[in-house]
Structure formats: C-alpha cells, structure tokens
Protein backbone atom coordinates (compact mmCIF):
# COMPACT_ATOMS: atom_id res chain seq x y z
CA MET A 1 -117.47 59.66 -71.51
CA LYS A 2 -113.81 59.07 -72.97
CA ASN A 3 -112.49 59.58 -69.33
CA GLY A 4 -114.72 56.94 -67.90
CA THR A 5 -113.37 54.22 -70.36
CA GLN A 6 -109.86 55.10 -69.69
CA ASP A 7 -110.62 54.70 -65.87
CA GLU A 8 -112.10 51.30 -66.56
CA ALA A 9 -109.21 50.17 -68.89
CA ALA A 10 -106.75 51.35 -66.01
CA SER A 11 -108.51 49.32 -63.47
CA ARG A 12 -108.36 46.22 -65.49
CA ARG A 13 -104.64 46.57 -65.94
CA THR A 14 -104.20 47.00 -62.08
CA GLU A 15 -106.49 44.26 -60.77
CA VAL A 16 -104.65 41.94 -58.49
CA SER A 17 -104.90 38.15 -59.61
CA ALA A 18 -106.09 35.48 -57.28
CA LYS A 19 -102.76 33.80 -56.93
CA ALA A 20 -99.48 35.61 -57.49
CA THR A 21 -97.10 34.04 -60.24
CA ARG A 22 -93.48 34.56 -60.53
CA ARG A 23 -92.57 36.48 -63.44
CA ARG A 24 -90.17 34.96 -65.96
CA PHE A 25 -88.18 36.91 -68.55
CA THR A 26 -86.61 35.50 -71.61
CA ALA A 27 -83.04 36.27 -72.47
CA GLU A 28 -84.05 38.16 -75.51
CA TYR A 29 -86.35 40.30 -73.50
CA LYS A 30 -83.58 41.13 -71.07
CA LEU A 31 -81.10 41.99 -73.68
CA ARG A 32 -83.70 44.27 -75.37
CA ILE A 33 -84.46 46.11 -71.97
CA LEU A 34 -80.70 46.38 -71.28
CA ARG A 35 -80.12 47.97 -74.64
CA GLU A 36 -82.93 50.37 -74.01
CA ALA A 37 -81.79 51.24 -70.64
CA ASP A 38 -78.26 51.86 -71.91
CA GLY A 39 -79.63 54.11 -74.51
CA HIS A 40 -81.76 56.24 -71.88
CA GLN A 41 -78.47 56.65 -69.86
CA ALA A 42 -76.49 57.68 -72.76
CA SER A 43 -79.27 60.22 -74.01
CA GLY A 44 -78.84 61.92 -70.67
CA ARG A 45 -82.57 62.82 -70.69
CA LYS A 46 -83.72 62.90 -66.95
CA GLY A 47 -86.37 60.47 -65.86
CA ALA A 48 -86.18 58.39 -69.22
CA LEU A 49 -84.69 55.36 -67.28
CA GLY A 50 -87.31 55.58 -64.64
CA GLU A 51 -90.10 56.05 -66.94
CA MET A 52 -88.97 52.84 -68.86
CA LEU A 53 -88.77 50.82 -65.72
CA ARG A 54 -92.30 51.88 -64.49
CA ARG A 55 -93.62 51.15 -68.10
CA GLU A 56 -92.32 47.54 -68.12
CA GLY A 57 -92.97 46.98 -64.27
CA LEU A 58 -89.29 46.39 -63.43
CA TYR A 59 -86.92 47.33 -60.70
CA SER A 60 -83.44 48.89 -60.90
CA SER A 61 -82.27 45.77 -59.30
CA HIS A 62 -83.39 43.61 -62.31
CA LEU A 63 -81.11 45.82 -64.42
CA THR A 64 -78.17 45.38 -62.02
CA ALA A 65 -78.28 41.59 -62.04
CA TRP A 66 -79.01 41.36 -65.71
CA ARG A 67 -76.00 43.68 -66.52
CA GLY A 68 -73.85 41.38 -64.41
CA GLN A 69 -75.06 38.42 -66.10
CA ARG A 70 -74.31 40.00 -69.50
CA ASP A 71 -70.86 41.33 -68.46
CA ARG A 72 -69.96 37.83 -67.49
CA GLY A 73 -70.68 36.96 -71.28
CA ASP A 74 -73.19 34.33 -70.23
CA LEU A 75 -76.07 34.66 -72.55
CA ALA A 76 -77.40 31.34 -70.91
CA ALA A 77 -77.20 32.95 -67.51
CA LEU A 78 -79.84 35.49 -68.88
CA ALA A 79 -82.28 32.76 -69.50
CA PRO A 80 -84.63 31.99 -66.39
CA LYS A 81 -83.47 29.31 -64.23
CA LYS A 82 -85.54 26.65 -62.65
CA ARG A 83 -86.03 27.20 -58.91
CA GLY A 84 -85.81 24.87 -56.14
CA PRO A 85 -83.55 22.06 -55.05
CA LYS A 86 -81.83 20.01 -57.96
CA ALA A 87 -83.17 16.57 -58.63
CA GLN A 88 -80.62 13.94 -57.70
CA PRO A 89 -80.67 10.38 -58.84
CA PRO A 90 -81.56 8.04 -56.05
CA ASP A 91 -78.71 6.17 -54.13
CA PRO A 92 -78.94 2.39 -55.14
CA ASN A 93 -77.94 1.45 -51.52
CA ALA A 94 -80.93 3.60 -50.06
CA VAL A 95 -83.25 1.87 -52.48
CA ARG A 96 -82.07 -1.51 -51.49
CA VAL A 97 -82.29 -0.61 -47.77
CA ALA A 98 -85.85 0.55 -48.25
CA GLU A 99 -86.76 -2.59 -50.00
CA LEU A 100 -85.20 -4.86 -47.31
CA GLU A 101 -87.07 -2.77 -44.62
CA ARG A 102 -90.34 -3.32 -46.38
CA GLU A 103 -89.54 -6.95 -46.64
CA ASN A 104 -88.66 -7.18 -42.96
CA ALA A 105 -91.97 -5.48 -41.74
CA LYS A 106 -93.79 -7.87 -44.00
CA LEU A 107 -92.07 -10.93 -42.47
CA LYS A 108 -92.33 -9.76 -38.88
CA LYS A 109 -96.27 -9.46 -39.40
CA ARG A 110 -96.26 -12.91 -40.59
CA ALA A 111 -94.37 -14.32 -37.56
CA GLU A 112 -96.58 -12.36 -35.25
CA ARG A 113 -99.65 -13.90 -36.95
CA ALA A 114 -98.25 -17.32 -36.71
CA GLU A 115 -97.37 -16.87 -32.98
CA ALA A 116 -100.87 -15.75 -32.43
CA LEU A 117 -102.28 -18.80 -34.11
CA VAL A 118 -100.02 -21.17 -32.16
CA GLY A 119 -101.24 -19.56 -28.92
CA LEU A 120 -104.71 -19.85 -30.03
CA GLN A 121 -104.10 -23.63 -30.79
CA LYS A 122 -102.67 -23.96 -27.32
CA LYS A 123 -105.74 -22.52 -25.51
CA VAL A 124 -108.10 -24.62 -27.65
CA ALA A 125 -106.20 -27.73 -26.62
CA GLU A 126 -106.03 -26.75 -22.99
CA ILE A 127 -109.92 -26.15 -22.93
CA LEU A 128 -110.60 -29.42 -24.76
CA GLY A 129 -108.15 -31.31 -22.57
CA ILE A 130 -105.96 -32.34 -25.59
CA ALA A 131 -102.39 -32.92 -24.59
CA LEU A 132 -99.87 -31.27 -27.16
CA PRO A 133 -96.45 -32.63 -27.79
CA ASP A 134 -93.75 -30.46 -26.09
CA PRO A 135 -91.72 -28.66 -28.98
CA ASN A 136 -88.50 -29.05 -26.95
CA GLU A 137 -88.96 -32.79 -26.73
CA VAL A 138 -87.05 -34.77 -29.43
CA PRO A 139 -89.18 -37.24 -31.02
C-alpha cells in the first residue's frame, strides 16, 4: 500500500496547472544554487550537478546566466526583472494635441447640428411661404 501513496504523491507534484506562470527566482535563491552548483563541480562526483538541477527544476542555462550576472558583480542583476516595455511619461505636446482634437470634434458636431437646424428652418419657411431675409444682404 505504501507504493500506492507514493504514486499519488508523485502525480500531485507533476500535475499541470490550468495557466502556466513564469517562475521568478530571488537573488538569495540564485546565489544559494550557484554555491551548491560550484560545490558539486568541485567535488568531482559524477551526476551531482545534474541531480541538483533536476531536483530544483532548473536548466544549465539558468546557471550560465546567473553566473554571468554574479561575475559582473551585480547582485541587483540577480534580482528578477520586470518584463515588458518600460513605462514612459506622457509627452505634454501629445496630451495637448489629444485635448484639442477632442474639442475640435465636439465643435464640428455642434456646427453640423446648427447647419441642419438652419436647413430645417429654411424648408419650413418655404413650405409655409414665409420669406426669410437673405444672409448676404446687409441690413
């Protein structure tokens, strides 16, 4: 029966989550793994490094990248970095242009509505036989 519980425990560890998430490693974790990896390489015991990588779920490329960061002496580089484009402050000219475009669109709508009302007034005056003054005529 002991074998059955081990199989269940192993299957729970290997279940795939519904949505994959990017793993993030702290600088302390990276340094600890690098020290352990360096110790395994120094011991000369075959397969010790691979065993440690499998246990931790890491790739040798992780060690290569982390060693490069460590060798540059940049402990801050070992800290996880935020992905994606860097946020940039909005350009004040672009903000002003957008504001003026909104105002321009609003005024165009008002002018179109006013022109439609004037056209309607002309048609009503024509139907009722009322003579409207000519706008080009000076009073």
